[in-house]
Amino acid sequence: MDKDRDKHTPADPGRRGLLVTGAAAALTLGPVSFASAAAPGGGGSDGSGTSGASGASGGGDLVRTVRGTLPPGAPDFVHLPVDVPEGIAEIHVAYAYERPAVPAGTLGNALDIGLFDERGTRLGGPGFRGWSGGARSEFFVRADAATPGYLPGPVRAGTWHIVLGPYTVAPAGLPYEVTVTLRPGPAPEAGGQPVPGEAPVPVYPPPRAKGRGRDWYRGDCHLHSVYSDGRRTPAEIAALARTAGLDFINSSEHNTSAGHRAWEGLWGDDLLILTGEEVTTRNGHVVALGTDPGTFIDWRYRARDNRFGHYAREIRRAGGLVVPAHPHGTCLGCAWKFGFADADAVEVWNGPYTPDDEVSLAEWDNLLVAAARSGGRWIPAMGSSDAHRDPDPVGTPQTVVLAEDLTRDAILAGLRAGRSYVAESARVSLSFGATGGRGRHAGIGERLRVAADAPVTVRLDVTGAPGRTVRFLTDQGIVHTATLPGAGSGAAPAAYTGSVEWRTTASYATYVRAEVRHPPAAPGLPGALIAFTNPIFLGERGK
């Protein structure tokens, strides 16, 4: 998750004001102009009321620094317009802000940053050029390259916007400094290279890998690299995914699609790479899973703005799934406030198992109860690592999905249908099914259509968790608990399979799902999850 102006009163409301455009409020500052920047040492005000200094470096760079202070209660986004003249090859931005000590329980300063080009800052518009949140203190954009998290492309003349995101502001305010450097392109007649032209054509991951036909495929759909606030390169993540026994991964950088083009040469017959985004709003995070390569989903809104439904549809129009992430995460802004009506699945297990995952699991189970009893749509559960850096393990946990093949469409179809379970590692495998009269059988995510009083046998086979606890849960709660046999002397735990059966009827259980857990860490509390399944529904009623 993403986590630094002397204070003044606007002199000209026409040049700077508070804008509300159907999204989170944005404060627009006066523009940074380079009209008089050719004179070395030329300082002064940019006309916006901020203090600043501008000038030309010895190499011809145009530089201006803007300083100010944002007060507590500042809008979510602060736009700093930058007037870019003709002939500029590169824009470079550096920023810093003060982080004063604050009393315990008081929010300190945290300031995010990103860039929009001359096409504007309209919500969902084409002007997005990159976002690094609070992960970097500087970045650049030019035609042939850009800082990770930003999109290369021509630096065209017009009004660009640096967008500041005051995530939190200390009681004394948030003093900041932004330095903008414009680098002209060398003139060809002077012996240099011309201003670079168009950005190189991006190479995106293919939509299929070799696969094994219809089978269970393991994936981690929530990962971060240096293209947002992670510390690993895409190459390092791909290598760790293979080591973890994964068949597919999903690129999910915070609020940017720039990482989609970073996987060239890293996919293969054994690894499918999907592209997406972690849409990191102030009211919760959502993984856009498996969207068309190059798709950018805007994040600049809160629940009160009533915009999430629109962007959920944008994710689906781009072929992806809408997956609220860590809905009860304890990080600031992580708690999910948008409801689940627009969700295709929900990430209830995020990284090493913690109490907030237990709360997310319970909330998801309540959603299942409501859907099962009404016969309405139910939302499958997922798990992902959200790995950012060492020692975060890739593939802990991982979602194991039954798919027709190792392709983007097949994997997403399996996840959408809930034909999946979640395991802490590739060491653990589950087989879960229900059988009824006349040889009927249903697996995870399916419905066993039997009469209300017909006997049903539920069976779970577990590999890789000897001696651990199995729980069967229905809309009535926990209905059966058993301990798997130990592996025995000399046996390999990872290869050991134990089984648990339970008998019921559709009149008693509208659905049944399974959990495998570690021993409790404290008396009276459940142990951490090893694995859990999506439900099997019982009875004639329902979809």
Protein backbone atom coordinates (compact mmCIF):
# COMPACT_ATOMS: atom_id res chain seq x y z
CA MET A 1 0.00 0.00 0.00
CA ASP A 2 1.10 3.49 -0.71
CA LYS A 3 1.96 5.59 2.49
CA ASP A 4 6.61 15.03 2.07
CA ARG A 5 4.60 25.75 0.17
CA ASP A 6 4.71 28.49 2.61
CA LYS A 7 1.10 28.79 3.75
CA HIS A 8 -0.73 31.57 1.94
CA THR A 9 -4.16 32.77 0.87
CA PRO A 10 -5.06 32.54 -2.83
CA ALA A 11 -4.79 35.93 -4.44
CA ASP A 12 -6.66 34.98 -7.62
CA PRO A 13 -9.45 32.41 -7.27
CA GLY A 14 -9.56 32.18 -11.03
CA ARG A 15 -6.09 30.69 -11.12
CA ARG A 16 -6.28 28.46 -8.13
CA GLY A 17 -9.29 27.02 -6.41
CA LEU A 18 -11.08 24.01 -5.03
CA LEU A 19 -12.54 21.83 -7.75
CA VAL A 20 -15.09 19.04 -7.33
CA THR A 21 -15.60 17.07 -10.53
CA GLY A 22 -17.60 14.01 -9.54
CA ALA A 23 -14.60 12.60 -7.72
CA ALA A 24 -12.50 13.44 -4.71
CA ALA A 25 -11.99 17.19 -4.26
CA ALA A 26 -8.83 18.62 -5.82
CA LEU A 27 -7.01 21.85 -5.08
CA THR A 28 -5.45 23.45 -8.18
CA LEU A 29 -2.44 25.71 -7.59
CA GLY A 30 -1.24 28.48 -9.84
CA PRO A 31 0.76 27.31 -12.87
CA VAL A 32 4.52 26.88 -13.00
CA SER A 33 5.68 28.88 -16.03
CA PHE A 34 9.03 28.73 -17.76
CA ALA A 35 8.42 31.77 -19.96
CA SER A 36 11.24 33.75 -18.31
CA ALA A 37 13.36 30.82 -17.22
CA ALA A 38 16.04 31.30 -19.85
CA ALA A 39 17.83 33.92 -17.77
CA PRO A 40 20.18 32.08 -15.38
CA GLY A 41 19.35 32.83 -11.77
CA GLY A 42 15.99 34.35 -12.67
CA GLY A 43 13.95 33.84 -9.54
CA GLY A 44 10.73 35.09 -8.12
CA SER A 45 7.10 34.18 -7.96
CA ASP A 46 5.26 32.15 -10.55
CA GLY A 47 2.17 34.28 -10.01
CA SER A 48 0.37 31.64 -7.97
CA GLY A 49 1.26 33.01 -4.57
CA THR A 50 3.85 30.30 -3.93
CA SER A 51 7.46 31.09 -3.39
CA GLY A 52 9.83 29.72 -5.98
CA ALA A 53 13.03 30.04 -7.95
CA SER A 54 13.68 29.28 -11.57
CA GLY A 55 16.57 29.37 -13.92
CA ALA A 56 18.52 27.61 -16.60
CA SER A 57 21.32 25.24 -15.70
CA GLY A 58 24.60 25.28 -17.50
CA GLY A 59 23.36 22.47 -19.74
CA GLY A 60 20.25 24.37 -20.79
CA ASP A 61 17.88 22.70 -18.31
CA LEU A 62 14.92 24.80 -17.18
CA VAL A 63 14.36 24.51 -13.44
CA ARG A 64 11.74 25.82 -11.08
CA THR A 65 11.14 25.02 -7.41
CA VAL A 66 7.78 25.50 -5.72
CA ARG A 67 7.33 25.47 -1.95
CA GLY A 68 4.25 25.56 0.20
CA THR A 69 2.38 24.08 3.13
CA LEU A 70 -0.80 22.03 2.99
CA PRO A 71 -3.08 22.44 6.01
CA PRO A 72 -4.89 19.67 7.90
CA GLY A 73 -8.05 18.78 6.03
CA ALA A 74 -6.42 19.40 2.65
CA PRO A 75 -8.22 17.85 -0.34
CA ASP A 76 -7.24 14.36 -1.44
CA PHE A 77 -5.39 15.71 -4.49
CA VAL A 78 -3.47 18.91 -5.18
CA HIS A 79 -2.81 19.78 -8.84
CA LEU A 80 0.32 21.72 -9.73
CA PRO A 81 0.06 22.84 -13.40
CA VAL A 82 3.31 23.02 -15.34
CA ASP A 83 3.43 24.96 -18.63
CA VAL A 84 5.72 22.90 -20.88
CA PRO A 85 7.05 24.78 -23.94
CA GLU A 86 7.96 23.31 -27.32
CA GLY A 87 11.23 21.41 -27.74
CA ILE A 88 11.32 19.64 -24.38
CA ALA A 89 12.64 16.08 -24.40
CA GLU A 90 12.31 15.19 -20.73
CA ILE A 91 10.44 16.28 -17.63
CA HIS A 92 12.04 15.48 -14.28
CA VAL A 93 10.31 16.00 -10.94
CA ALA A 94 11.82 15.79 -7.45
CA TYR A 95 9.97 16.46 -4.24
CA ALA A 96 10.43 16.41 -0.49
CA TYR A 97 8.29 17.18 2.53
CA GLU A 98 8.71 17.54 6.27
CA ARG A 99 7.94 14.64 8.56
CA PRO A 100 7.79 16.12 12.06
CA ALA A 101 7.43 13.89 15.09
CA VAL A 102 3.84 13.67 16.31
CA PRO A 103 2.33 12.28 19.53
CA ALA A 104 1.28 8.65 19.60
CA GLY A 105 -2.10 8.19 17.96
CA THR A 106 -1.73 11.32 15.82
CA LEU A 107 -1.35 11.08 12.07
CA GLY A 108 1.91 12.38 10.63
CA ASN A 109 2.67 13.62 7.14
CA ALA A 110 2.55 11.41 4.06
CA LEU A 111 2.48 12.83 0.54
CA ASP A 112 2.04 10.85 -2.67
CA ILE A 113 2.91 12.07 -6.18
CA GLY A 114 2.15 11.38 -9.84
CA LEU A 115 1.98 12.99 -13.27
CA PHE A 116 -0.61 13.80 -15.94
CA ASP A 117 0.30 15.15 -19.36
CA GLU A 118 -1.19 17.91 -21.52
CA ARG A 119 -4.34 15.87 -22.13
CA GLY A 120 -5.51 16.79 -18.65
CA THR A 121 -6.43 15.35 -15.27
CA ARG A 122 -10.03 14.39 -16.04
CA LEU A 123 -11.15 11.37 -14.05
CA GLY A 124 -10.62 8.33 -16.25
CA GLY A 125 -9.19 10.51 -19.04
CA PRO A 126 -6.20 9.83 -21.29
CA GLY A 127 -3.74 12.16 -19.54
CA PHE A 128 -2.35 9.68 -16.99
CA ARG A 129 1.45 9.33 -17.25
CA GLY A 130 2.34 7.67 -13.96
CA TRP A 131 2.05 7.37 -10.21
CA SER A 132 4.64 6.42 -7.60
CA GLY A 133 2.64 7.20 -4.48
CA GLY A 134 5.11 7.71 -1.67
CA ALA A 135 7.63 5.17 -2.96
CA ARG A 136 9.97 7.61 -4.77
CA SER A 137 11.32 11.09 -4.21
CA GLU A 138 11.91 11.78 -7.92
CA PHE A 139 10.96 10.56 -11.38
CA PHE A 140 11.37 11.39 -15.06
CA VAL A 141 9.44 10.89 -18.28
CA ARG A 142 10.74 11.07 -21.82
CA ALA A 143 9.83 9.48 -25.14
CA ASP A 144 12.01 6.39 -24.94
CA ALA A 145 12.08 5.74 -21.17
CA ALA A 146 10.55 6.61 -17.82
CA THR A 147 11.01 5.88 -14.14
CA PRO A 148 9.25 2.63 -13.18
CA GLY A 149 5.62 3.43 -12.49
CA TYR A 150 5.53 6.04 -15.28
CA LEU A 151 4.74 5.72 -18.99
CA PRO A 152 7.32 6.72 -21.59
CA GLY A 153 6.16 8.87 -24.46
CA PRO A 154 6.67 12.26 -26.09
CA VAL A 155 6.81 15.33 -23.87
CA ARG A 156 4.43 17.51 -25.86
CA ALA A 157 3.91 21.22 -25.31
CA GLY A 158 0.97 22.22 -23.13
CA THR A 159 -0.11 22.27 -19.52
CA TRP A 160 0.98 19.18 -17.62
CA HIS A 161 0.00 18.50 -14.02
CA ILE A 162 1.99 17.17 -11.12
CA VAL A 163 -0.56 15.64 -8.78
CA LEU A 164 0.20 15.58 -5.07
CA GLY A 165 -1.79 13.30 -2.80
CA PRO A 166 -1.67 14.37 0.86
CA TYR A 167 -2.46 10.96 2.31
CA THR A 168 -2.22 12.25 5.86
CA VAL A 169 -1.43 15.73 7.23
CA ALA A 170 0.02 16.43 10.67
CA PRO A 171 -1.70 19.03 12.91
CA ALA A 172 0.99 21.61 12.09
CA GLY A 173 0.54 21.15 8.34
CA LEU A 174 2.58 19.57 5.58
CA PRO A 175 5.43 21.73 4.23
CA TYR A 176 6.59 20.51 0.82
CA GLU A 177 8.96 21.39 -1.99
CA VAL A 178 8.64 20.37 -5.65
CA THR A 179 11.42 20.95 -8.17
CA VAL A 180 10.53 20.67 -11.87
CA THR A 181 13.30 20.32 -14.44
CA LEU A 182 12.60 20.48 -18.18
CA ARG A 183 15.38 19.18 -20.42
CA PRO A 184 15.35 20.43 -24.01
CA GLY A 185 16.41 18.12 -26.80
CA PRO A 186 19.79 18.82 -28.37
CA ALA A 187 19.52 20.39 -31.79
CA PRO A 188 20.76 18.07 -34.59
CA GLU A 189 22.78 20.84 -36.24
CA ALA A 190 24.74 21.23 -32.99
CA GLY A 191 26.00 17.68 -33.29
CA GLY A 192 23.54 16.12 -30.84
CA GLN A 193 20.72 13.67 -31.38
CA PRO A 194 17.27 14.95 -32.27
CA VAL A 195 14.50 15.05 -29.70
CA PRO A 196 13.42 11.42 -29.29
CA GLY A 197 10.28 10.45 -31.18
CA GLU A 198 7.60 7.98 -30.25
CA ALA A 199 7.93 5.59 -27.37
CA PRO A 200 8.90 2.03 -28.22
CA VAL A 201 5.95 -0.28 -28.84
CA PRO A 202 5.28 -2.13 -25.57
CA VAL A 203 5.55 -5.90 -25.51
CA TYR A 204 2.88 -7.46 -23.32
CA PRO A 205 2.58 -10.98 -21.92
CA PRO A 206 0.70 -13.45 -24.15
CA PRO A 207 -2.77 -14.60 -23.04
CA ARG A 208 -1.87 -18.28 -22.83
CA ALA A 209 0.81 -20.68 -21.68
CA LYS A 210 1.25 -24.33 -22.57
CA GLY A 211 -0.81 -25.69 -19.68
CA ARG A 212 -2.04 -29.20 -18.95
CA GLY A 213 -5.56 -28.99 -20.32
CA ARG A 214 -8.35 -29.13 -17.73
CA ASP A 215 -6.52 -29.12 -14.41
CA TRP A 216 -5.95 -27.28 -11.15
CA TYR A 217 -3.64 -24.29 -11.63
CA ARG A 218 -1.92 -22.32 -8.86
CA GLY A 219 -1.63 -18.57 -8.91
CA ASP A 220 -0.79 -15.43 -6.94
CA CYS A 221 -2.90 -12.50 -8.12
CA HIS A 222 -1.64 -9.68 -5.89
CA LEU A 223 2.05 -8.76 -6.22
CA HIS A 224 4.15 -5.59 -6.24
CA SER A 225 7.45 -4.81 -7.94
CA VAL A 226 9.65 -1.75 -8.35
CA TYR A 227 6.93 -0.45 -10.67
CA SER A 228 5.04 0.73 -7.58
CA ASP A 229 6.13 0.36 -3.95
CA GLY A 230 7.74 -3.07 -4.17
CA ARG A 231 11.48 -3.70 -4.01
CA ARG A 232 11.73 -6.66 -6.36
CA THR A 233 12.19 -6.56 -10.10
CA PRO A 234 9.73 -8.41 -12.34
CA ALA A 235 12.51 -10.90 -13.10
CA GLU A 236 12.94 -11.64 -9.40
CA ILE A 237 9.18 -12.08 -8.97
CA ALA A 238 8.94 -14.45 -11.93
CA ALA A 239 11.77 -16.56 -10.52
CA LEU A 240 10.15 -16.67 -7.08
CA ALA A 241 6.80 -17.61 -8.63
CA ARG A 242 8.36 -20.60 -10.34
CA THR A 243 10.10 -21.63 -7.14
CA ALA A 244 6.75 -21.41 -5.30
CA GLY A 245 5.18 -23.81 -7.80
CA LEU A 246 2.88 -21.23 -9.38
CA ASP A 247 1.36 -21.55 -12.83
CA PHE A 248 0.17 -17.94 -13.14
CA ILE A 249 0.64 -14.52 -11.55
CA ASN A 250 -1.06 -11.13 -11.92
CA SER A 251 0.79 -7.82 -12.15
CA SER A 252 -1.04 -5.51 -9.70
CA GLU A 253 0.89 -2.29 -9.12
CA HIS A 254 -0.68 0.55 -7.15
CA ASN A 255 -2.57 2.97 -9.42
CA THR A 256 -0.50 2.44 -12.54
CA SER A 257 -0.43 0.23 -15.61
CA ALA A 258 3.25 0.98 -16.30
CA GLY A 259 4.33 -2.46 -15.09
CA HIS A 260 2.37 -4.28 -17.79
CA ARG A 261 5.21 -3.81 -20.27
CA ALA A 262 7.92 -4.93 -17.82
CA TRP A 263 7.56 -8.72 -18.18
CA GLU A 264 9.10 -9.26 -21.62
CA GLY A 265 11.01 -12.53 -21.71
CA LEU A 266 9.79 -13.62 -18.27
CA TRP A 267 6.76 -15.67 -19.25
CA GLY A 268 7.02 -19.17 -20.66
CA ASP A 269 5.26 -22.48 -21.18
CA ASP A 270 5.28 -22.90 -17.41
CA LEU A 271 4.16 -19.41 -16.33
CA LEU A 272 1.19 -17.33 -17.45
CA ILE A 273 1.47 -13.62 -16.58
CA LEU A 274 -1.76 -11.63 -16.29
CA THR A 275 -1.89 -7.84 -16.17
CA GLY A 276 -3.93 -5.75 -13.76
CA GLU A 277 -3.72 -3.03 -11.13
CA GLU A 278 -4.31 -2.51 -7.44
CA VAL A 279 -6.72 0.40 -7.51
CA THR A 280 -5.74 2.10 -4.25
CA THR A 281 -8.48 4.50 -3.17
CA ARG A 282 -8.80 6.25 0.20
CA ASN A 283 -11.72 3.94 1.08
CA GLY A 284 -10.24 0.56 0.21
CA HIS A 285 -8.20 -1.26 -2.39
CA VAL A 286 -9.43 -3.41 -5.27
CA VAL A 287 -7.39 -5.70 -7.50
CA ALA A 288 -8.31 -5.30 -11.16
CA LEU A 289 -7.38 -8.86 -12.09
CA GLY A 290 -6.48 -9.87 -15.63
CA THR A 291 -7.44 -6.70 -17.47
CA ASP A 292 -6.36 -6.07 -21.06
CA PRO A 293 -2.66 -5.10 -21.15
CA GLY A 294 -2.19 -1.35 -20.97
CA THR A 295 -5.50 -0.72 -19.17
CA PHE A 296 -5.39 2.02 -16.54
CA ILE A 297 -8.16 2.21 -13.92
CA ASP A 298 -8.56 5.51 -12.07
CA TRP A 299 -8.53 5.57 -8.27
CA ARG A 300 -9.26 9.22 -7.42
CA TYR A 301 -12.62 8.86 -5.65
CA ARG A 302 -14.13 7.87 -2.33
CA ALA A 303 -17.23 5.84 -1.52
CA ARG A 304 -19.25 9.03 -1.07
CA ASP A 305 -18.52 10.03 -4.69
CA ASN A 306 -20.56 7.11 -6.09
CA ARG A 307 -17.98 6.37 -8.78
CA PHE A 308 -16.87 2.86 -7.89
CA GLY A 309 -19.62 1.13 -9.84
CA HIS A 310 -18.50 2.94 -12.98
CA TYR A 311 -14.90 1.81 -12.58
CA ALA A 312 -15.95 -1.73 -11.68
CA ARG A 313 -17.67 -1.81 -15.06
CA GLU A 314 -14.50 -0.42 -16.66
CA ILE A 315 -12.54 -3.33 -15.20
CA ARG A 316 -15.02 -5.82 -16.64
CA ARG A 317 -15.08 -4.06 -20.02
CA ALA A 318 -11.31 -4.57 -20.06
CA GLY A 319 -11.87 -8.30 -19.52
CA GLY A 320 -10.88 -8.35 -15.85
CA LEU A 321 -12.32 -9.31 -12.47
CA VAL A 322 -13.20 -6.91 -9.64
CA VAL A 323 -11.58 -8.25 -6.43
CA PRO A 324 -11.72 -6.15 -3.23
CA ALA A 325 -8.38 -6.69 -1.48
CA HIS A 326 -7.74 -7.19 2.27
CA PRO A 327 -11.16 -5.65 3.11
CA HIS A 328 -10.38 -5.48 6.83
CA GLY A 329 -6.71 -4.57 6.48
CA THR A 330 -5.44 -2.38 9.30
CA CYS A 331 -3.43 0.01 7.12
CA LEU A 332 -4.82 3.52 6.74
CA GLY A 333 -7.32 3.61 3.87
CA CYS A 334 -7.38 -0.18 3.48
CA ALA A 335 -10.80 -0.84 5.08
CA TRP A 336 -13.30 -1.60 2.30
CA LYS A 337 -16.16 0.96 2.16
CA PHE A 338 -17.71 0.31 -1.26
CA GLY A 339 -19.79 -2.77 -0.48
CA PHE A 340 -19.65 -6.02 -2.43
CA ALA A 341 -22.43 -5.62 -5.00
CA ASP A 342 -19.87 -4.95 -7.74
CA ALA A 343 -17.35 -7.62 -6.68
CA ASP A 344 -16.56 -10.70 -8.78
CA ALA A 345 -14.53 -12.24 -5.95
CA VAL A 346 -13.04 -11.06 -2.66
CA GLU A 347 -9.52 -11.48 -1.29
CA VAL A 348 -10.13 -12.77 2.22
CA TRP A 349 -6.59 -14.04 2.86
CA ASN A 350 -3.77 -11.57 2.25
CA GLY A 351 -0.19 -12.63 2.98
CA PRO A 352 0.70 -14.52 6.17
CA TYR A 353 -2.55 -15.23 8.03
CA THR A 354 -3.47 -12.55 10.60
CA PRO A 355 -6.54 -11.56 12.67
CA ASP A 356 -7.82 -9.18 9.98
CA ASP A 357 -7.93 -12.13 7.58
CA GLU A 358 -10.03 -14.00 10.13
CA VAL A 359 -12.48 -11.06 10.17
CA SER A 360 -12.56 -10.97 6.36
CA LEU A 361 -13.22 -14.71 6.25
CA ALA A 362 -16.13 -14.37 8.69
CA GLU A 363 -17.61 -11.47 6.71
CA TRP A 364 -17.37 -13.47 3.50
CA ASP A 365 -19.10 -16.40 5.19
CA ASN A 366 -21.96 -14.09 6.17
CA LEU A 367 -22.27 -13.05 2.52
CA LEU A 368 -22.46 -16.74 1.60
CA VAL A 369 -25.24 -17.32 4.11
CA ALA A 370 -27.33 -14.49 2.66
CA ALA A 371 -26.77 -15.62 -0.93
CA ALA A 372 -27.43 -19.30 -0.17
CA ARG A 373 -30.69 -18.63 1.63
CA SER A 374 -31.96 -16.22 -1.02
CA GLY A 375 -30.77 -18.24 -3.98
CA GLY A 376 -29.00 -15.15 -5.27
CA ARG A 377 -25.50 -14.53 -6.62
CA TRP A 378 -22.63 -15.52 -4.36
CA ILE A 379 -19.10 -14.10 -4.31
CA PRO A 380 -16.11 -16.50 -4.42
CA ALA A 381 -13.16 -16.04 -2.09
CA MET A 382 -9.49 -15.79 -3.05
CA GLY A 383 -6.12 -15.48 -1.37
CA SER A 384 -2.91 -13.78 -2.51
CA SER A 385 0.48 -12.87 -1.06
CA ASP A 386 0.53 -9.07 -1.61
CA ALA A 387 4.30 -9.58 -1.55
CA HIS A 388 6.38 -6.39 -1.80
CA ARG A 389 9.95 -7.20 -0.80
CA ASP A 390 12.17 -9.70 0.99
CA PRO A 391 11.26 -11.59 3.09
CA ASP A 392 7.62 -11.49 1.82
CA PRO A 393 7.02 -14.94 0.32
CA VAL A 394 5.51 -15.05 -3.16
CA GLY A 395 2.72 -17.64 -3.29
CA THR A 396 1.77 -17.46 0.42
CA PRO A 397 -1.10 -17.90 0.08
CA GLN A 398 -2.06 -18.97 -3.42
CA THR A 399 -5.37 -19.55 -5.15
CA VAL A 400 -5.74 -22.94 -6.87
CA VAL A 401 -8.31 -22.81 -9.66
CA LEU A 402 -9.88 -25.50 -11.84
CA ALA A 403 -9.54 -24.19 -15.40
CA GLU A 404 -9.95 -25.67 -18.85
CA ASP A 405 -6.41 -24.65 -19.73
CA LEU A 406 -3.64 -22.27 -18.72
CA THR A 407 -5.06 -19.23 -20.51
CA ARG A 408 -6.20 -15.84 -19.32
CA ASP A 409 -9.84 -16.51 -20.24
CA ALA A 410 -9.92 -19.96 -18.66
CA ILE A 411 -8.25 -18.87 -15.42
CA LEU A 412 -10.58 -15.88 -15.02
CA ALA A 413 -13.62 -18.04 -15.80
CA GLY A 414 -12.62 -20.51 -13.09
CA LEU A 415 -12.05 -17.76 -10.54
CA ARG A 416 -15.34 -16.05 -11.43
CA ALA A 417 -17.21 -19.34 -10.98
CA GLY A 418 -15.55 -20.04 -7.62
CA ARG A 419 -14.03 -23.32 -8.76
CA SER A 420 -11.08 -22.72 -6.50
CA TYR A 421 -9.51 -23.12 -3.10
CA VAL A 422 -6.76 -21.27 -1.25
CA ALA A 423 -3.63 -22.87 0.23
CA GLU A 424 -0.66 -21.52 2.13
CA SER A 425 1.80 -23.13 -0.32
CA ALA A 426 2.15 -25.61 -3.18
CA ARG A 427 2.88 -28.26 -0.55
CA VAL A 428 -0.84 -28.36 0.30
CA SER A 429 -3.48 -29.80 -2.05
CA LEU A 430 -7.20 -30.33 -1.52
CA SER A 431 -9.85 -32.44 -3.19
CA PHE A 432 -13.37 -31.57 -2.03
CA GLY A 433 -16.66 -32.95 -3.28
CA ALA A 434 -20.22 -33.93 -2.38
CA THR A 435 -22.18 -36.95 -3.62
CA GLY A 436 -25.88 -37.68 -3.43
CA GLY A 437 -28.46 -40.10 -4.76
CA ARG A 438 -28.26 -41.60 -8.26
CA GLY A 439 -24.52 -40.98 -8.39
CA ARG A 440 -24.77 -37.20 -8.50
CA HIS A 441 -21.54 -35.37 -7.68
CA ALA A 442 -20.55 -31.72 -7.26
CA GLY A 443 -17.19 -30.11 -6.71
CA ILE A 444 -16.00 -26.78 -5.38
CA GLY A 445 -18.11 -23.90 -6.66
CA GLU A 446 -20.86 -26.19 -7.95
CA ARG A 447 -24.36 -27.20 -6.80
CA LEU A 448 -25.40 -30.73 -5.90
CA ARG A 449 -29.04 -30.87 -6.94
CA VAL A 450 -30.73 -33.32 -4.59
CA ALA A 451 -34.01 -33.48 -2.74
CA ALA A 452 -34.08 -31.73 0.61
CA ASP A 453 -34.07 -34.97 2.60
CA ALA A 454 -31.75 -36.98 0.35
CA PRO A 455 -28.54 -38.13 2.08
CA VAL A 456 -25.38 -36.30 1.02
CA THR A 457 -21.80 -37.36 1.70
CA VAL A 458 -19.12 -34.66 1.79
CA ARG A 459 -15.47 -35.70 1.48
CA LEU A 460 -12.25 -33.73 1.81
CA ASP A 461 -8.86 -35.19 0.89
CA VAL A 462 -5.88 -33.18 2.15
CA THR A 463 -2.28 -33.58 1.03
CA GLY A 464 0.57 -31.93 2.91
CA ALA A 465 -1.03 -31.22 6.30
CA PRO A 466 -0.76 -34.31 8.51
CA GLY A 467 -2.08 -33.97 12.03
CA ARG A 468 -3.88 -30.70 11.29
CA THR A 469 -7.50 -29.82 11.99
CA VAL A 470 -10.28 -29.98 9.40
CA ARG A 471 -13.51 -28.04 9.86
CA PHE A 472 -16.67 -28.27 7.76
CA LEU A 473 -18.84 -25.16 7.80
CA THR A 474 -22.36 -24.53 6.53
CA ASP A 475 -24.85 -21.70 6.86
CA GLN A 476 -25.37 -23.06 10.38
CA GLY A 477 -21.71 -22.48 11.29
CA ILE A 478 -19.09 -25.10 12.16
CA VAL A 479 -20.82 -28.50 11.91
CA HIS A 480 -17.95 -31.00 11.94
CA THR A 481 -14.35 -30.99 13.18
CA ALA A 482 -11.76 -33.73 12.75
CA THR A 483 -8.01 -34.17 13.11
CA LEU A 484 -6.09 -35.55 10.18
CA PRO A 485 -3.89 -38.55 11.00
CA GLY A 486 -0.19 -37.91 11.45
CA ALA A 487 2.22 -38.82 8.71
CA GLY A 488 3.77 -41.61 10.72
CA SER A 489 7.40 -42.40 11.32
CA GLY A 490 9.58 -41.90 8.26
CA ALA A 491 6.76 -40.59 6.05
CA ALA A 492 7.12 -37.40 4.02
CA PRO A 493 4.52 -34.87 5.29
CA ALA A 494 4.29 -33.10 1.95
CA ALA A 495 3.18 -36.32 0.24
CA TYR A 496 0.82 -37.53 2.97
CA THR A 497 -2.93 -37.49 2.22
CA GLY A 498 -5.63 -37.75 4.87
CA SER A 499 -9.40 -37.80 4.38
CA VAL A 500 -12.45 -36.59 6.29
CA GLU A 501 -16.09 -37.43 5.50
CA TRP A 502 -19.35 -35.98 6.82
CA ARG A 503 -22.98 -36.76 6.06
CA THR A 504 -25.82 -34.26 5.84
CA THR A 505 -28.90 -33.26 3.85
CA ALA A 506 -29.82 -30.18 1.83
CA SER A 507 -32.53 -29.36 4.37
CA TYR A 508 -29.81 -28.99 7.02
CA ALA A 509 -27.04 -27.37 4.99
CA THR A 510 -27.61 -24.98 2.08
CA TYR A 511 -23.87 -25.07 1.42
CA VAL A 512 -20.77 -26.67 2.86
CA ARG A 513 -17.17 -25.53 2.71
CA ALA A 514 -13.96 -26.84 4.27
CA GLU A 515 -11.05 -25.39 6.22
CA VAL A 516 -7.71 -26.85 7.28
CA ARG A 517 -6.03 -25.09 10.20
CA HIS A 518 -2.84 -25.04 12.24
CA PRO A 519 -3.03 -25.58 16.01
CA PRO A 520 -4.30 -22.53 17.91
CA ALA A 521 -1.69 -20.01 18.98
CA ALA A 522 -3.81 -19.09 22.02
CA PRO A 523 -6.51 -21.00 23.94
CA GLY A 524 -10.03 -20.41 22.70
CA LEU A 525 -8.94 -19.00 19.33
CA PRO A 526 -8.86 -20.82 15.99
CA GLY A 527 -5.52 -21.67 14.50
CA ALA A 528 -4.26 -19.95 11.37
CA LEU A 529 -5.53 -21.24 8.06
CA ILE A 530 -3.56 -23.76 6.07
CA ALA A 531 -6.19 -23.95 3.34
CA PHE A 532 -9.90 -23.36 2.70
CA THR A 533 -12.35 -24.03 -0.11
CA ASN A 534 -15.10 -22.15 -1.80
CA PRO A 535 -18.50 -23.73 -1.06
CA ILE A 536 -20.47 -26.56 -2.58
CA PHE A 537 -24.17 -25.71 -2.61
CA LEU A 538 -26.80 -28.35 -1.80
CA GLY A 539 -30.41 -28.68 -2.94
CA GLU A 540 -32.56 -27.96 -5.97
CA ARG A 541 -33.02 -24.27 -5.23
CA GLY A 542 -30.56 -21.71 -6.55
CA LYS A 543 -28.36 -21.12 -9.52
